[in-house]
């Protein structure tokens, strides 16, 4: 499951939970280990509570257009537990959804770089930035400027 898919499921879960039960600062959830199942449970609760308005439904549909559903649906197989790093990604997106903050989805630099067999230093040299900048982008600590992102995409094609 990609990081973006995990983010999307975490954001939707948080948004639906907020609409269903409100914002409780005391309730700090553990990251979901199985985000698809968690999303399904929360979607059912939200539908039972009748809190899914047309605008919320439109938000969710727009996000799901960015997901390859076949990526996480395997009929007859139990859902795999996502790694700890993705559990953290899920939790951060959950809080954004709970606060109705926009979800930033971007090109997965790390995956594309690794598919090309490049190191962070290789990519940095190709784009004209430091290796530390690439590391920050891949960790989500910062994002490249739009013109730099275009250079990255061109270098990784």
C-alpha atoms as a PDB file:
ATOM      1  CA  UNK A   1       0.000   0.000   0.000  1.00  0.00           C
ATOM      2  CA  UNK A   2       1.444   3.381  -0.944  1.00  0.00           C
ATOM      3  CA  UNK A   3       1.990   6.200   1.519  1.00  0.00           C
ATOM      4  CA  UNK A   4      -0.570   8.316  -0.350  1.00  0.00           C
ATOM      5  CA  UNK A   5      -3.220   5.609   0.024  1.00  0.00           C
ATOM      6  CA  UNK A   6      -2.469   5.371   3.742  1.00  0.00           C
ATOM      7  CA  UNK A   7      -2.754   9.175   4.011  1.00  0.00           C
ATOM      8  CA  UNK A   8      -6.072   9.189   2.197  1.00  0.00           C
ATOM      9  CA  UNK A   9      -7.548   6.465   4.410  1.00  0.00           C
ATOM     10  CA  UNK A  10      -6.264   8.169   7.568  1.00  0.00           C
ATOM     11  CA  UNK A  11      -7.671  11.548   6.520  1.00  0.00           C
ATOM     12  CA  UNK A  12     -11.083  10.109   5.672  1.00  0.00           C
ATOM     13  CA  UNK A  13     -11.174   8.149   8.939  1.00  0.00           C
ATOM     14  CA  UNK A  14     -10.386  11.312  10.925  1.00  0.00           C
ATOM     15  CA  UNK A  15     -12.939  13.403   9.025  1.00  0.00           C
ATOM     16  CA  UNK A  16     -15.706  10.850   9.495  1.00  0.00           C
ATOM     17  CA  UNK A  17     -14.827  10.337  13.154  1.00  0.00           C
ATOM     18  CA  UNK A  18     -15.024  14.083  13.764  1.00  0.00           C
ATOM     19  CA  UNK A  19     -18.432  14.251  12.095  1.00  0.00           C
ATOM     20  CA  UNK A  20     -19.656  11.222  14.042  1.00  0.00           C
ATOM     21  CA  UNK A  21     -18.318  11.902  17.543  1.00  0.00           C
ATOM     22  CA  UNK A  22     -16.758  15.382  17.471  1.00  0.00           C
ATOM     23  CA  UNK A  23     -13.270  16.494  18.395  1.00  0.00           C
ATOM     24  CA  UNK A  24     -12.050  15.016  21.663  1.00  0.00           C
ATOM     25  CA  UNK A  25      -8.506  16.137  22.446  1.00  0.00           C
ATOM     26  CA  UNK A  26      -8.269  13.520  25.193  1.00  0.00           C
ATOM     27  CA  UNK A  27      -8.926  10.670  22.777  1.00  0.00           C
ATOM     28  CA  UNK A  28      -5.566   9.975  21.154  1.00  0.00           C
ATOM     29  CA  UNK A  29      -6.007   6.961  18.902  1.00  0.00           C
ATOM     30  CA  UNK A  30      -3.323   4.441  18.217  1.00  0.00           C
ATOM     31  CA  UNK A  31      -2.362   4.399  14.558  1.00  0.00           C
ATOM     32  CA  UNK A  32      -4.491   1.965  12.623  1.00  0.00           C
ATOM     33  CA  UNK A  33      -2.572  -1.120  11.616  1.00  0.00           C
ATOM     34  CA  UNK A  34      -5.184  -2.124   9.065  1.00  0.00           C
ATOM     35  CA  UNK A  35      -6.398   1.138   7.506  1.00  0.00           C
ATOM     36  CA  UNK A  36      -8.836  -0.380   5.016  1.00  0.00           C
ATOM     37  CA  UNK A  37     -10.761  -2.197   7.756  1.00  0.00           C
ATOM     38  CA  UNK A  38     -10.635   0.890   9.963  1.00  0.00           C
ATOM     39  CA  UNK A  39     -12.003   3.039   7.155  1.00  0.00           C
ATOM     40  CA  UNK A  40     -14.830   0.561   6.512  1.00  0.00           C
ATOM     41  CA  UNK A  41     -15.816   0.528  10.206  1.00  0.00           C
ATOM     42  CA  UNK A  42     -15.818   4.324  10.413  1.00  0.00           C
ATOM     43  CA  UNK A  43     -17.728   4.683   7.132  1.00  0.00           C
ATOM     44  CA  UNK A  44     -20.421   2.399   8.542  1.00  0.00           C
ATOM     45  CA  UNK A  45     -20.630   4.419  11.792  1.00  0.00           C
ATOM     46  CA  UNK A  46     -20.852   7.677   9.862  1.00  0.00           C
ATOM     47  CA  UNK A  47     -23.627   6.322   7.651  1.00  0.00           C
ATOM     48  CA  UNK A  48     -25.564   5.067  10.681  1.00  0.00           C
ATOM     49  CA  UNK A  49     -25.193   8.504  12.310  1.00  0.00           C
ATOM     50  CA  UNK A  50     -26.306  10.106   9.020  1.00  0.00           C
ATOM     51  CA  UNK A  51     -23.454  12.634   9.061  1.00  0.00           C
ATOM     52  CA  UNK A  52     -22.189  12.112   5.516  1.00  0.00           C
ATOM     53  CA  UNK A  53     -23.425  15.193   3.686  1.00  0.00           C
ATOM     54  CA  UNK A  54     -23.153  15.721  -0.066  1.00  0.00           C
ATOM     55  CA  UNK A  55     -20.067  17.886   0.393  1.00  0.00           C
ATOM     56  CA  UNK A  56     -18.344  15.310   2.627  1.00  0.00           C
ATOM     57  CA  UNK A  57     -19.245  12.571   0.177  1.00  0.00           C
ATOM     58  CA  UNK A  58     -17.764  14.673  -2.642  1.00  0.00           C
ATOM     59  CA  UNK A  59     -14.526  15.145  -0.634  1.00  0.00           C
ATOM     60  CA  UNK A  60     -14.247  11.413  -0.074  1.00  0.00           C
ATOM     61  CA  UNK A  61     -14.987  10.563  -3.708  1.00  0.00           C
ATOM     62  CA  UNK A  62     -12.379  13.070  -4.891  1.00  0.00           C
ATOM     63  CA  UNK A  63      -9.760  11.458  -2.662  1.00  0.00           C
ATOM     64  CA  UNK A  64     -10.698   7.940  -3.724  1.00  0.00           C
ATOM     65  CA  UNK A  65     -10.140   8.914  -7.355  1.00  0.00           C
ATOM     66  CA  UNK A  66      -6.445   9.153  -6.417  1.00  0.00           C
ATOM     67  CA  UNK A  67      -6.339   5.596  -5.075  1.00  0.00           C
ATOM     68  CA  UNK A  68      -5.839   2.412  -7.033  1.00  0.00           C
ATOM     69  CA  UNK A  69      -8.459   0.351  -5.212  1.00  0.00           C
ATOM     70  CA  UNK A  70      -6.915  -2.896  -6.453  1.00  0.00           C
ATOM     71  CA  UNK A  71      -3.821  -1.914  -4.479  1.00  0.00           C
ATOM     72  CA  UNK A  72      -5.486  -2.865  -1.210  1.00  0.00           C
ATOM     73  CA  UNK A  73      -8.295  -5.210  -2.158  1.00  0.00           C
ATOM     74  CA  UNK A  74      -7.420  -8.868  -2.312  1.00  0.00           C
ATOM     75  CA  UNK A  75     -10.479 -11.055  -2.166  1.00  0.00           C
ATOM     76  CA  UNK A  76     -10.155 -13.962   0.215  1.00  0.00           C
ATOM     77  CA  UNK A  77      -6.964 -12.733   1.864  1.00  0.00           C
ATOM     78  CA  UNK A  78      -6.788 -11.047   5.244  1.00  0.00           C
ATOM     79  CA  UNK A  79      -5.698  -7.417   5.238  1.00  0.00           C
ATOM     80  CA  UNK A  80      -1.972  -7.017   5.793  1.00  0.00           C
ATOM     81  CA  UNK A  81      -0.743  -4.930   8.712  1.00  0.00           C
ATOM     82  CA  UNK A  82       1.014  -1.822   7.439  1.00  0.00           C
ATOM     83  CA  UNK A  83       4.564  -1.024   8.624  1.00  0.00           C
ATOM     84  CA  UNK A  84       5.182   1.343  11.547  1.00  0.00           C
ATOM     85  CA  UNK A  85       6.258   4.176   9.260  1.00  0.00           C
ATOM     86  CA  UNK A  86       2.933   4.020   7.466  1.00  0.00           C
ATOM     87  CA  UNK A  87       1.071   3.804  10.768  1.00  0.00           C
ATOM     88  CA  UNK A  88       2.661   7.157  11.601  1.00  0.00           C
ATOM     89  CA  UNK A  89       1.642   8.549   8.205  1.00  0.00           C
ATOM     90  CA  UNK A  90      -1.899   7.328   8.854  1.00  0.00           C
ATOM     91  CA  UNK A  91      -2.013   9.026  12.257  1.00  0.00           C
ATOM     92  CA  UNK A  92      -0.772  12.380  10.932  1.00  0.00           C
ATOM     93  CA  UNK A  93      -3.362  12.288   8.153  1.00  0.00           C
ATOM     94  CA  UNK A  94      -6.020  11.276  10.704  1.00  0.00           C
ATOM     95  CA  UNK A  95      -5.432  14.498  12.645  1.00  0.00           C
ATOM     96  CA  UNK A  96      -5.579  16.568   9.471  1.00  0.00           C
ATOM     97  CA  UNK A  97      -8.899  14.947   8.603  1.00  0.00           C
ATOM     98  CA  UNK A  98     -10.221  15.431  12.112  1.00  0.00           C
ATOM     99  CA  UNK A  99      -9.387  19.152  11.836  1.00  0.00           C
ATOM    100  CA  UNK A 100     -10.603  19.308   8.212  1.00  0.00           C
ATOM    101  CA  UNK A 101      -7.185  20.507   7.060  1.00  0.00           C
ATOM    102  CA  UNK A 102      -6.229  19.837   3.449  1.00  0.00           C
ATOM    103  CA  UNK A 103      -4.339  16.664   2.738  1.00  0.00           C
ATOM    104  CA  UNK A 104      -1.110  17.098   0.816  1.00  0.00           C
ATOM    105  CA  UNK A 105      -0.490  14.276  -1.583  1.00  0.00           C
ATOM    106  CA  UNK A 106       2.519  14.308  -3.763  1.00  0.00           C
ATOM    107  CA  UNK A 107       4.651  12.390  -6.120  1.00  0.00           C
ATOM    108  CA  UNK A 108       6.383   9.595  -4.196  1.00  0.00           C
ATOM    109  CA  UNK A 109       9.966  10.723  -4.695  1.00  0.00           C
ATOM    110  CA  UNK A 110      11.482   7.912  -2.641  1.00  0.00           C
ATOM    111  CA  UNK A 111       9.751   5.110  -4.514  1.00  0.00           C
ATOM    112  CA  UNK A 112      10.439   6.611  -7.945  1.00  0.00           C
ATOM    113  CA  UNK A 113      14.091   7.216  -7.036  1.00  0.00           C
ATOM    114  CA  UNK A 114      14.570   3.653  -5.804  1.00  0.00           C
ATOM    115  CA  UNK A 115      12.856   2.235  -8.914  1.00  0.00           C
ATOM    116  CA  UNK A 116      15.497   4.054 -10.975  1.00  0.00           C
ATOM    117  CA  UNK A 117      18.270   2.628  -8.774  1.00  0.00           C
ATOM    118  CA  UNK A 118      19.405   6.083  -7.636  1.00  0.00           C
ATOM    119  CA  UNK A 119      20.663   7.232  -4.250  1.00  0.00           C
ATOM    120  CA  UNK A 120      19.474  10.427  -2.637  1.00  0.00           C
ATOM    121  CA  UNK A 121      22.861  11.944  -3.505  1.00  0.00           C
ATOM    122  CA  UNK A 122      22.422  10.948  -7.179  1.00  0.00           C
ATOM    123  CA  UNK A 123      19.025  12.605  -7.375  1.00  0.00           C
ATOM    124  CA  UNK A 124      20.252  15.683  -5.525  1.00  0.00           C
ATOM    125  CA  UNK A 125      23.063  16.126  -8.042  1.00  0.00           C
ATOM    126  CA  UNK A 126      20.679  15.686 -10.994  1.00  0.00           C
ATOM    127  CA  UNK A 127      18.284  18.306  -9.648  1.00  0.00           C
ATOM    128  CA  UNK A 128      20.874  20.711  -8.231  1.00  0.00           C
ATOM    129  CA  UNK A 129      20.047  20.479  -4.529  1.00  0.00           C
ATOM    130  CA  UNK A 130      21.655  18.956  -1.462  1.00  0.00           C
ATOM    131  CA  UNK A 131      21.202  15.333  -0.403  1.00  0.00           C
ATOM    132  CA  UNK A 132      19.717  16.679   2.847  1.00  0.00           C
ATOM    133  CA  UNK A 133      16.960  18.423   0.860  1.00  0.00           C
ATOM    134  CA  UNK A 134      16.054  15.146  -0.855  1.00  0.00           C
ATOM    135  CA  UNK A 135      16.000  13.369   2.517  1.00  0.00           C
ATOM    136  CA  UNK A 136      13.636  16.007   3.935  1.00  0.00           C
ATOM    137  CA  UNK A 137      11.271  15.684   0.967  1.00  0.00           C
ATOM    138  CA  UNK A 138      11.195  11.907   1.237  1.00  0.00           C
ATOM    139  CA  UNK A 139      10.527  11.995   4.973  1.00  0.00           C
ATOM    140  CA  UNK A 140       7.729  14.554   4.547  1.00  0.00           C
ATOM    141  CA  UNK A 141       9.597  17.127   6.624  1.00  0.00           C
ATOM    142  CA  UNK A 142       9.404  19.588   3.721  1.00  0.00           C
ATOM    143  CA  UNK A 143       8.217  19.748   0.127  1.00  0.00           C
ATOM    144  CA  UNK A 144      10.064  20.802  -2.989  1.00  0.00           C
ATOM    145  CA  UNK A 145       9.063  24.000  -4.772  1.00  0.00           C
ATOM    146  CA  UNK A 146       6.808  23.347  -7.782  1.00  0.00           C
ATOM    147  CA  UNK A 147       9.592  24.070 -10.287  1.00  0.00           C
ATOM    148  CA  UNK A 148      11.939  21.728  -8.414  1.00  0.00           C
ATOM    149  CA  UNK A 149       9.275  19.016  -8.340  1.00  0.00           C
ATOM    150  CA  UNK A 150       9.047  19.248 -12.130  1.00  0.00           C
ATOM    151  CA  UNK A 151      12.838  18.767 -12.350  1.00  0.00           C
ATOM    152  CA  UNK A 152      12.565  15.752 -10.034  1.00  0.00           C
ATOM    153  CA  UNK A 153       9.809  14.171 -12.130  1.00  0.00           C
ATOM    154  CA  UNK A 154      11.812  14.737 -15.323  1.00  0.00           C
ATOM    155  CA  UNK A 155      14.922  13.193 -13.743  1.00  0.00           C
ATOM    156  CA  UNK A 156      12.981  10.122 -12.576  1.00  0.00           C
ATOM    157  CA  UNK A 157      11.096   9.374 -15.802  1.00  0.00           C
END
